[in-house]
Amino acid sequence: MRRAKKTLHSYLHRLLGLCSVLALASLAYSQGASDATLNAVRNSDRTDRAANGKLAPDITAAEHMRRGGVYMANRAFASAREHYQAVVDNYPSDVNIPAALYGVARSYYQERRYEEARQVYEKVAHDYPLTKEGREGANFAASSLLRMGHGAEAAARYAEYVAKYPNGERLDTAHLNIIEGYREAGRPQDAIAWINRTRERFAGNVVEHNAIFARLRLDIALADWPHAVQTAEELLQKPFPAGTNTNADEVLYLKAYSLERRGQTQYAISTYLMIPDKIASYYGGLATNRLAAINDPTARQRASERMQTVQIAVNNAAGDYPAPYSFQVVKEAKKRGLDPRLVLAIMKQESAFKPNAKSPSAARGLLQLTIDAAQKYGQRAGIKLATDDMFAGLSEAIAASYNGGEDNVARWLGRSNQHDEGIFAAEVGFTESKNYVFKVMGYYRAYRQLYTSDLKRR
């Protein structure tokens, strides 16, 4: 696990260094309404500073909160924190104090300074338990512990939230996070107990479905293949409601994978074949690869047929997979031991190759770097990092980390306990990040078929 985390960290730094080279110039983006607001706030801060460099004492609490919100929206966390802290220091009886403290905690959390975030979240939860900020503080104090790898402590803190706020806004995710906390702490029996408790508490809705899926992933991590097959079959007998962090193709793949390990090869083959393979079908592609690897003539023949069908579809859609900026991408990617085709796949998903693209979360450029990420990794863009050995599933992990953060990916890798791309993808805990992985890997598959590693058209 430590090796995998080190490899992931090194690879992500190389990728983000490349992103900085390609994207820093595009941070001189066209001015929009939100950018004008940010510039106006910065100008006001320059005007409203005393001789000692501190913000003027006559700025109202409401104005501090407004400016802090603008900075947070643009991921200028230190500036946001300065305004929130000014409310705490200068207006200790103001109605905005809970929100200001929560803003300080959230700024640390989004910077991934989790211990500092936890301390402030705990203060909000302790001092203002009857406010929404207090409830959120209790939840995110637990989340901070989980992000730091303290699974058992996180689970206990989530359990406190469940007991204290039986109708809390985060009650559903708190139950599910208790399960994951105990899994990551190596306490599977406690995880199973909370799976059962969650199923009982949320019987008949999407939370129960996600709890069953948590049991399936736990079964696989424990190599309990008979129970994994049983759990997968239970899921497949149910509809997949909106908000479920899985789908039928994924569950079929996990079932087939478990059947293979159980030695039921023919049953596994028939299950893999139930997953259709198309350009955009992540698990369809993995199923085809598994069929090709099985020592069975019929399975290999079917795999060959499926591959040919997808190859034809990719060739027909070749215009959807351009390779712009190929000289720069190849040059910088090769320096860092990266596959330029993976970079293009991420670029296609992030910006559709539009250099001035800007997201609602203040990410900018071809690879949608935020200002804080660009500054952090841009300073290191010229540093050549050592290339570590790859391991199965690393491309999925890199894609997931680009969207969901390397700290989360390290946790998901650690609890998967199987060196298989599809098993890792199933562990991705955020639906947005999982869908991101599916899309990027679909693009990556097409780019590998259409281009050499030097981005020459085949």
Protein backbone atom coordinates (compact mmCIF):
# COMPACT_ATOMS: atom_id res chain seq x y z
CA MET A 1 0.00 0.00 0.00
CA ARG A 2 2.81 2.42 0.91
CA ARG A 3 4.53 1.65 -2.39
CA ALA A 4 1.30 2.20 -4.33
CA LYS A 5 0.69 5.50 -2.58
CA LYS A 6 4.26 6.67 -3.30
CA THR A 7 3.92 5.66 -6.96
CA LEU A 8 0.58 7.43 -7.30
CA HIS A 9 1.93 10.58 -5.63
CA SER A 10 4.95 10.69 -7.95
CA TYR A 11 2.87 10.06 -11.07
CA LEU A 12 0.31 12.69 -10.11
CA HIS A 13 3.03 15.28 -9.51
CA ARG A 14 4.45 14.52 -12.94
CA LEU A 15 1.01 14.86 -14.51
CA LEU A 16 0.27 18.13 -12.74
CA GLY A 17 3.71 19.45 -13.59
CA LEU A 18 2.89 18.77 -17.23
CA CYS A 19 -0.50 20.40 -16.77
CA SER A 20 1.22 23.50 -15.45
CA VAL A 21 3.51 23.74 -18.46
CA LEU A 22 0.56 23.45 -20.82
CA ALA A 23 -1.93 25.46 -18.82
CA LEU A 24 -0.22 28.29 -16.96
CA ALA A 25 -0.27 30.50 -20.01
CA SER A 26 -3.99 29.96 -20.43
CA LEU A 27 -4.63 31.29 -16.93
CA ALA A 28 -4.57 34.69 -18.60
CA TYR A 29 -8.15 33.88 -19.42
CA SER A 30 -10.84 36.16 -20.77
CA GLN A 31 -12.44 38.23 -18.04
CA GLY A 32 -15.89 37.10 -17.00
CA ALA A 33 -18.38 38.31 -14.42
CA SER A 34 -16.94 36.21 -11.59
CA ASP A 35 -13.39 37.29 -12.45
CA ALA A 36 -14.41 40.94 -12.37
CA THR A 37 -15.91 40.36 -8.92
CA LEU A 38 -12.69 38.73 -7.72
CA ASN A 39 -10.59 41.60 -9.05
CA ALA A 40 -12.90 44.12 -7.42
CA VAL A 41 -12.54 42.38 -4.05
CA ARG A 42 -8.77 42.29 -4.41
CA ASN A 43 -8.73 46.01 -5.21
CA SER A 44 -10.91 46.70 -2.17
CA ASP A 45 -8.54 44.71 0.03
CA ARG A 46 -5.58 46.71 -1.22
CA THR A 47 -7.42 49.94 -0.43
CA ASP A 48 -8.74 48.76 2.93
CA ARG A 49 -5.47 47.85 4.59
CA ALA A 50 -3.88 49.70 7.46
CA ALA A 51 -0.23 50.71 7.54
CA ASN A 52 0.65 47.45 9.33
CA GLY A 53 -0.78 45.46 6.42
CA LYS A 54 -3.86 44.23 8.28
CA LEU A 55 -7.38 44.71 6.98
CA ALA A 56 -9.01 47.92 8.16
CA PRO A 57 -11.06 47.47 11.39
CA ASP A 58 -14.09 49.30 10.00
CA ILE A 59 -14.93 46.62 7.41
CA THR A 60 -18.27 45.19 8.52
CA ALA A 61 -18.77 41.53 9.39
CA ALA A 62 -21.17 41.15 6.47
CA GLU A 63 -18.61 42.60 4.07
CA HIS A 64 -15.92 40.27 5.41
CA MET A 65 -18.24 37.34 4.80
CA ARG A 66 -18.98 38.53 1.28
CA ARG A 67 -15.33 38.95 0.37
CA GLY A 68 -14.47 35.63 1.98
CA GLY A 69 -17.12 33.94 -0.14
CA VAL A 70 -15.72 35.45 -3.34
CA TYR A 71 -12.24 34.23 -2.49
CA MET A 72 -13.51 30.75 -1.60
CA ALA A 73 -15.35 30.50 -4.93
CA ASN A 74 -12.04 31.19 -6.64
CA ARG A 75 -10.03 28.88 -4.35
CA ALA A 76 -7.96 31.73 -2.94
CA PHE A 77 -8.08 30.06 0.46
CA ALA A 78 -5.62 32.18 2.44
CA SER A 79 -7.41 35.38 1.44
CA ALA A 80 -10.78 33.85 2.30
CA ARG A 81 -9.47 32.75 5.68
CA GLU A 82 -8.19 36.23 6.44
CA HIS A 83 -11.69 37.66 6.11
CA TYR A 84 -13.41 34.88 8.02
CA GLN A 85 -10.87 35.16 10.83
CA ALA A 86 -11.39 38.93 10.93
CA VAL A 87 -15.06 38.32 11.75
CA VAL A 88 -14.08 35.94 14.57
CA ASP A 89 -11.50 38.36 15.96
CA ASN A 90 -13.35 41.66 15.56
CA TYR A 91 -17.02 40.70 15.95
CA PRO A 92 -17.14 37.92 18.58
CA SER A 93 -20.88 38.39 19.20
CA ASP A 94 -21.92 38.69 15.56
CA VAL A 95 -24.52 36.37 14.10
CA ASN A 96 -22.00 35.40 11.42
CA ILE A 97 -19.54 33.78 13.85
CA PRO A 98 -20.63 30.15 13.22
CA ALA A 99 -20.48 30.68 9.44
CA ALA A 100 -17.11 32.44 9.72
CA LEU A 101 -15.58 29.61 11.74
CA TYR A 102 -17.07 27.11 9.34
CA GLY A 103 -15.54 29.09 6.46
CA VAL A 104 -12.10 28.91 8.09
CA ALA A 105 -12.47 25.14 8.50
CA ARG A 106 -13.71 24.67 4.96
CA SER A 107 -10.79 26.65 3.54
CA TYR A 108 -8.35 24.31 5.31
CA TYR A 109 -10.33 21.27 4.21
CA GLN A 110 -10.31 22.26 0.56
CA GLU A 111 -6.56 22.86 0.81
CA ARG A 112 -6.33 19.30 2.21
CA ARG A 113 -4.91 20.59 5.47
CA TYR A 114 -7.14 18.17 7.26
CA GLU A 115 -5.83 18.33 10.83
CA GLU A 116 -6.20 22.11 10.89
CA ALA A 117 -9.65 21.74 9.36
CA ARG A 118 -10.64 19.11 11.93
CA GLN A 119 -9.72 21.34 14.86
CA VAL A 120 -11.87 24.22 13.64
CA TYR A 121 -14.74 21.93 12.61
CA GLU A 122 -14.68 20.48 16.15
CA LYS A 123 -14.87 23.97 17.61
CA VAL A 124 -17.90 24.86 15.48
CA ALA A 125 -19.59 21.58 16.42
CA HIS A 126 -18.86 22.09 20.14
CA ASP A 127 -19.71 25.79 20.42
CA TYR A 128 -22.70 25.94 18.06
CA PRO A 129 -24.31 22.46 18.08
CA LEU A 130 -27.82 23.72 17.34
CA THR A 131 -26.86 25.52 14.14
CA LYS A 132 -26.47 24.05 10.68
CA GLU A 133 -22.78 24.99 10.82
CA GLY A 134 -22.49 22.99 14.05
CA ARG A 135 -24.04 19.93 12.45
CA GLU A 136 -21.84 20.31 9.39
CA GLY A 137 -18.83 20.79 11.66
CA ALA A 138 -19.51 17.46 13.37
CA ASN A 139 -19.83 15.73 10.00
CA PHE A 140 -16.74 17.23 8.45
CA ALA A 141 -14.62 16.72 11.55
CA ALA A 142 -15.28 13.02 10.95
CA SER A 143 -14.59 13.45 7.24
CA SER A 144 -11.26 15.11 8.01
CA LEU A 145 -10.26 12.11 10.13
CA LEU A 146 -11.24 9.77 7.30
CA ARG A 147 -9.18 11.76 4.80
CA MET A 148 -6.19 11.54 7.15
CA GLY A 149 -6.45 7.76 7.25
CA HIS A 150 -7.85 7.51 10.78
CA GLY A 151 -10.68 5.17 9.85
CA ALA A 152 -11.72 3.94 13.28
CA GLU A 153 -11.67 7.45 14.78
CA ALA A 154 -13.67 8.73 11.82
CA ALA A 155 -16.23 5.95 12.22
CA ALA A 156 -16.64 6.77 15.92
CA ARG A 157 -17.09 10.46 15.14
CA TYR A 158 -19.67 9.70 12.47
CA ALA A 159 -21.47 7.46 14.98
CA GLU A 160 -21.62 10.42 17.38
CA TYR A 161 -23.19 12.48 14.59
CA VAL A 162 -25.78 9.75 13.97
CA ALA A 163 -26.67 9.59 17.67
CA LYS A 164 -26.75 13.37 18.19
CA TYR A 165 -28.57 14.30 14.98
CA PRO A 166 -31.06 11.50 14.18
CA ASN A 167 -32.59 13.72 11.52
CA GLY A 168 -29.38 15.39 10.38
CA GLU A 169 -28.82 16.42 6.79
CA ARG A 170 -25.86 13.98 6.47
CA LEU A 171 -27.45 10.99 8.19
CA ASP A 172 -27.34 8.79 5.10
CA THR A 173 -23.72 9.48 4.17
CA ALA A 174 -22.68 9.27 7.82
CA HIS A 175 -23.90 5.65 7.94
CA LEU A 176 -22.07 4.79 4.73
CA ASN A 177 -18.89 6.53 5.88
CA ILE A 178 -18.90 4.56 9.13
CA ILE A 179 -18.79 1.41 7.01
CA GLU A 180 -15.86 2.71 4.98
CA GLY A 181 -14.07 3.95 8.10
CA TYR A 182 -14.17 0.51 9.68
CA ARG A 183 -13.12 -1.10 6.40
CA GLU A 184 -10.12 1.17 6.14
CA ALA A 185 -9.26 0.49 9.79
CA GLY A 186 -9.12 -3.25 9.08
CA ARG A 187 -12.24 -3.98 11.15
CA PRO A 188 -14.47 -5.86 8.69
CA GLN A 189 -16.84 -7.27 11.30
CA ASP A 190 -17.65 -3.78 12.56
CA ALA A 191 -18.18 -2.73 8.94
CA ILE A 192 -20.57 -5.64 8.39
CA ALA A 193 -22.50 -4.73 11.55
CA TRP A 194 -22.99 -1.20 10.24
CA ILE A 195 -23.92 -2.49 6.80
CA ASN A 196 -26.72 -4.45 8.42
CA ARG A 197 -27.72 -1.50 10.59
CA THR A 198 -27.76 0.82 7.58
CA ARG A 199 -29.86 -1.60 5.56
CA GLU A 200 -32.40 -1.78 8.38
CA ARG A 201 -32.49 2.00 8.91
CA PHE A 202 -32.84 2.83 5.20
CA ALA A 203 -34.71 -0.23 3.94
CA GLY A 204 -36.14 0.16 0.46
CA ASN A 205 -34.23 3.24 -0.69
CA VAL A 206 -30.96 4.15 -2.36
CA VAL A 207 -28.97 4.14 0.88
CA GLU A 208 -29.77 0.47 1.41
CA HIS A 209 -28.66 -0.21 -2.16
CA ASN A 210 -25.33 1.54 -1.51
CA ALA A 211 -24.91 -0.41 1.73
CA ILE A 212 -25.34 -3.70 -0.16
CA PHE A 213 -22.79 -2.48 -2.70
CA ALA A 214 -20.43 -1.72 0.21
CA ARG A 215 -20.85 -5.34 1.31
CA LEU A 216 -20.02 -6.56 -2.20
CA ARG A 217 -16.82 -4.54 -2.26
CA LEU A 218 -15.93 -5.76 1.23
CA ASP A 219 -16.54 -9.38 0.19
CA ILE A 220 -14.13 -8.93 -2.71
CA ALA A 221 -11.49 -7.23 -0.55
CA LEU A 222 -11.73 -10.19 1.85
CA ALA A 223 -11.64 -12.67 -1.06
CA ASP A 224 -14.93 -14.13 0.18
CA TRP A 225 -15.91 -15.21 -3.33
CA PRO A 226 -19.06 -17.22 -2.49
CA HIS A 227 -20.57 -14.34 -0.53
CA ALA A 228 -19.47 -11.83 -3.18
CA VAL A 229 -21.41 -13.79 -5.82
CA GLN A 230 -24.41 -13.95 -3.52
CA THR A 231 -24.28 -10.22 -2.80
CA ALA A 232 -23.90 -9.36 -6.49
CA GLU A 233 -26.92 -11.50 -7.34
CA GLU A 234 -28.96 -9.72 -4.67
CA LEU A 235 -28.04 -6.35 -6.19
CA LEU A 236 -28.88 -7.51 -9.71
CA GLN A 237 -32.35 -8.51 -8.60
CA LYS A 238 -33.08 -4.93 -7.54
CA PRO A 239 -33.59 -1.79 -9.64
CA PHE A 240 -30.76 0.74 -9.61
CA PRO A 241 -32.33 3.96 -8.30
CA ALA A 242 -30.92 7.41 -8.92
CA GLY A 243 -28.10 8.14 -6.51
CA THR A 244 -26.77 4.59 -6.49
CA ASN A 245 -22.99 4.57 -6.66
CA THR A 246 -22.91 1.62 -9.06
CA ASN A 247 -24.66 0.21 -12.11
CA ALA A 248 -25.60 -3.15 -13.58
CA ASP A 249 -22.46 -3.46 -15.74
CA GLU A 250 -20.22 -2.86 -12.75
CA VAL A 251 -22.03 -5.39 -10.58
CA LEU A 252 -21.97 -7.95 -13.40
CA TYR A 253 -18.21 -7.45 -13.75
CA LEU A 254 -17.67 -7.87 -10.02
CA LYS A 255 -19.80 -11.01 -10.08
CA ALA A 256 -17.90 -12.46 -13.03
CA TYR A 257 -14.57 -11.58 -11.41
CA SER A 258 -15.66 -13.37 -8.23
CA LEU A 259 -16.85 -16.39 -10.20
CA GLU A 260 -13.44 -16.60 -11.89
CA ARG A 261 -11.66 -16.61 -8.57
CA ARG A 262 -14.11 -19.18 -7.29
CA GLY A 263 -13.17 -21.46 -10.18
CA GLN A 264 -16.53 -21.28 -11.97
CA THR A 265 -14.98 -20.35 -15.30
CA GLN A 266 -17.89 -21.09 -17.62
CA TYR A 267 -20.33 -19.20 -15.42
CA ALA A 268 -17.83 -16.31 -15.33
CA ILE A 269 -17.58 -16.31 -19.14
CA SER A 270 -21.35 -16.15 -19.57
CA THR A 271 -21.52 -13.31 -17.05
CA TYR A 272 -18.77 -11.30 -18.74
CA LEU A 273 -20.64 -11.72 -22.02
CA MET A 274 -23.70 -10.09 -20.47
CA ILE A 275 -21.79 -6.78 -20.34
CA PRO A 276 -22.02 -5.08 -23.76
CA ASP A 277 -18.77 -3.65 -25.10
CA LYS A 278 -18.95 -0.25 -26.80
CA ILE A 279 -16.58 2.70 -27.08
CA ALA A 280 -17.93 4.28 -23.92
CA SER A 281 -18.43 1.04 -21.97
CA TYR A 282 -15.70 0.91 -19.35
CA TYR A 283 -16.70 -2.43 -17.87
CA GLY A 284 -17.50 -3.77 -21.32
CA GLY A 285 -13.88 -3.19 -22.29
CA LEU A 286 -12.60 -4.83 -19.12
CA ALA A 287 -14.91 -7.80 -19.67
CA THR A 288 -13.53 -8.22 -23.19
CA ASN A 289 -9.98 -8.19 -21.82
CA ARG A 290 -10.88 -10.80 -19.22
CA LEU A 291 -12.48 -13.02 -21.88
CA ALA A 292 -9.32 -12.76 -23.99
CA ALA A 293 -7.20 -13.84 -21.01
CA ILE A 294 -9.24 -16.94 -20.13
CA ASN A 295 -7.85 -20.21 -21.47
CA ASP A 296 -11.01 -21.07 -23.36
CA PRO A 297 -11.27 -21.00 -27.20
CA THR A 298 -14.88 -19.84 -27.22
CA ALA A 299 -14.18 -17.01 -24.75
CA ARG A 300 -11.19 -15.84 -26.79
CA GLN A 301 -13.16 -15.96 -30.03
CA ARG A 302 -15.94 -13.88 -28.51
CA ALA A 303 -13.35 -11.45 -27.16
CA SER A 304 -11.82 -11.07 -30.62
CA GLU A 305 -15.24 -10.37 -32.13
CA ARG A 306 -16.01 -7.76 -29.47
CA MET A 307 -12.64 -6.06 -30.01
CA GLN A 308 -13.17 -5.87 -33.76
CA THR A 309 -16.60 -4.30 -33.30
CA VAL A 310 -15.19 -1.62 -31.01
CA GLN A 311 -12.23 -0.99 -33.31
CA ILE A 312 -14.59 -0.34 -36.21
CA ALA A 313 -16.64 2.04 -34.05
CA VAL A 314 -13.52 3.91 -32.90
CA ASN A 315 -12.23 4.26 -36.47
CA ASN A 316 -15.59 5.59 -37.60
CA ALA A 317 -15.52 8.14 -34.77
CA ALA A 318 -11.85 9.10 -35.21
CA GLY A 319 -12.79 12.74 -35.73
CA ASP A 320 -13.95 12.88 -32.11
CA TYR A 321 -10.42 12.12 -30.93
CA PRO A 322 -8.11 14.87 -32.21
CA ALA A 323 -4.55 15.33 -31.00
CA PRO A 324 -4.04 19.10 -30.71
CA TYR A 325 -0.90 20.54 -29.13
CA SER A 326 0.73 17.20 -29.94
CA PHE A 327 4.28 18.56 -30.09
CA GLN A 328 4.04 20.14 -26.63
CA VAL A 329 2.16 17.20 -25.13
CA VAL A 330 4.65 14.62 -26.39
CA LYS A 331 7.67 16.70 -25.44
CA GLU A 332 6.55 17.41 -21.89
CA ALA A 333 4.90 14.02 -21.31
CA LYS A 334 8.01 12.10 -22.38
CA LYS A 335 10.13 14.13 -19.95
CA ARG A 336 7.91 12.92 -17.14
CA GLY A 337 7.43 9.31 -18.16
CA LEU A 338 3.76 9.83 -19.02
CA ASP A 339 1.69 8.42 -21.86
CA PRO A 340 0.69 11.42 -24.02
CA ARG A 341 -2.51 9.59 -24.95
CA LEU A 342 -3.64 9.57 -21.33
CA VAL A 343 -2.92 13.29 -21.15
CA LEU A 344 -5.07 13.85 -24.25
CA ALA A 345 -7.86 11.76 -22.74
CA ILE A 346 -7.86 13.92 -19.61
CA MET A 347 -7.61 17.09 -21.66
CA LYS A 348 -10.60 16.04 -23.79
CA GLN A 349 -12.68 15.45 -20.69
CA GLU A 350 -11.53 18.56 -18.87
CA SER A 351 -11.82 21.25 -21.54
CA ALA A 352 -12.65 19.66 -24.90
CA PHE A 353 -9.31 21.25 -25.96
CA LYS A 354 -10.51 24.82 -25.33
CA PRO A 355 -7.58 26.79 -23.85
CA ASN A 356 -9.81 29.47 -22.31
CA ALA A 357 -12.26 27.05 -20.70
CA LYS A 358 -13.28 27.89 -17.13
CA SER A 359 -15.38 25.73 -14.83
CA PRO A 360 -17.84 26.86 -12.11
CA SER A 361 -15.25 25.73 -9.53
CA ALA A 362 -12.70 28.23 -10.90
CA ALA A 363 -10.60 25.71 -12.81
CA ARG A 364 -9.09 27.08 -16.00
CA GLY A 365 -7.29 26.09 -19.15
CA LEU A 366 -6.79 22.98 -21.24
CA LEU A 367 -6.38 20.73 -18.22
CA GLN A 368 -8.63 22.77 -15.91
CA LEU A 369 -6.11 23.65 -13.24
CA THR A 370 -7.27 25.77 -10.35
CA ILE A 371 -5.16 28.77 -9.40
CA ASP A 372 -3.90 27.04 -6.25
CA ALA A 373 -2.91 23.89 -8.14
CA ALA A 374 -1.24 25.84 -10.92
CA GLN A 375 0.82 27.80 -8.43
CA LYS A 376 1.70 24.71 -6.41
CA TYR A 377 2.77 22.51 -9.30
CA GLY A 378 3.86 25.20 -11.70
CA GLN A 379 6.87 25.93 -9.50
CA ARG A 380 7.87 22.29 -9.93
CA ALA A 381 7.08 22.00 -13.62
CA GLY A 382 10.72 21.98 -14.59
CA ILE A 383 11.68 19.29 -12.09
CA LYS A 384 12.17 15.84 -13.55
CA LEU A 385 10.87 13.32 -11.02
CA ALA A 386 12.04 9.73 -10.89
CA THR A 387 9.85 7.24 -12.72
CA ASP A 388 8.37 4.54 -10.48
CA ASP A 389 7.19 1.15 -11.63
CA MET A 390 3.58 0.99 -12.70
CA PHE A 391 1.06 -1.43 -11.29
CA ALA A 392 -2.31 -2.68 -12.50
CA GLY A 393 -4.95 0.00 -12.47
CA LEU A 394 -2.63 3.01 -12.21
CA SER A 395 -4.20 4.84 -15.14
CA GLU A 396 -7.61 4.59 -13.44
CA ALA A 397 -6.04 5.79 -10.20
CA ILE A 398 -4.41 8.78 -11.88
CA ALA A 399 -7.68 9.74 -13.56
CA ALA A 400 -9.52 9.41 -10.25
CA SER A 401 -6.90 11.46 -8.40
CA TYR A 402 -7.09 14.24 -10.96
CA ASN A 403 -10.79 14.57 -10.17
CA GLY A 404 -11.14 13.33 -6.60
CA GLY A 405 -7.75 14.00 -5.00
CA GLU A 406 -4.73 11.83 -4.40
CA ASP A 407 -5.53 11.43 -0.69
CA ASN A 408 -8.87 9.83 -1.49
CA VAL A 409 -7.36 7.63 -4.18
CA ALA A 410 -4.75 6.34 -1.71
CA ARG A 411 -7.61 5.27 0.58
CA TRP A 412 -9.56 3.64 -2.25
CA LEU A 413 -6.47 1.77 -3.40
CA GLY A 414 -5.74 0.61 0.11
CA ARG A 415 -9.14 -0.88 0.76
CA SER A 416 -9.59 -2.54 -2.66
CA ASN A 417 -6.98 -5.20 -1.90
CA GLN A 418 -7.12 -6.55 -5.48
CA HIS A 419 -4.84 -5.60 -8.37
CA ASP A 420 -7.56 -5.25 -10.97
CA GLU A 421 -8.63 -2.05 -12.70
CA GLY A 422 -12.34 -2.74 -12.33
CA ILE A 423 -12.07 -3.56 -8.64
CA PHE A 424 -10.30 -0.25 -8.00
CA ALA A 425 -12.87 1.67 -10.06
CA ALA A 426 -15.67 0.12 -8.01
CA GLU A 427 -14.02 1.50 -4.86
CA VAL A 428 -14.02 5.11 -6.11
CA GLY A 429 -16.19 6.71 -3.49
CA PHE A 430 -17.55 9.75 -5.33
CA THR A 431 -20.03 9.19 -8.12
CA GLU A 432 -18.65 12.20 -10.02
CA SER A 433 -15.10 10.82 -9.80
CA LYS A 434 -16.19 7.34 -10.82
CA ASN A 435 -18.01 8.64 -13.89
CA TYR A 436 -14.94 10.76 -14.65
CA VAL A 437 -12.77 7.64 -14.59
CA PHE A 438 -15.17 5.82 -16.92
CA LYS A 439 -15.11 8.67 -19.45
CA VAL A 440 -11.35 9.26 -19.37
CA MET A 441 -10.56 5.57 -19.68
CA GLY A 442 -12.96 5.28 -22.62
CA TYR A 443 -11.17 8.14 -24.34
CA TYR A 444 -7.80 6.64 -23.45
CA ARG A 445 -8.82 3.34 -25.03
CA ALA A 446 -9.74 5.13 -28.26
CA TYR A 447 -6.53 7.20 -28.28
CA ARG A 448 -4.41 4.07 -27.83
CA GLN A 449 -6.12 2.50 -30.82
CA LEU A 450 -5.83 5.57 -33.03
CA TYR A 451 -2.36 6.89 -32.13
CA THR A 452 1.12 5.67 -31.33
CA SER A 453 2.76 6.78 -28.09
CA ASP A 454 4.29 9.65 -30.12
CA LEU A 455 0.79 10.74 -31.18
CA LYS A 456 1.30 9.61 -34.76
CA ARG A 457 -1.91 8.50 -36.42
CA ARG A 458 -1.94 4.76 -36.97
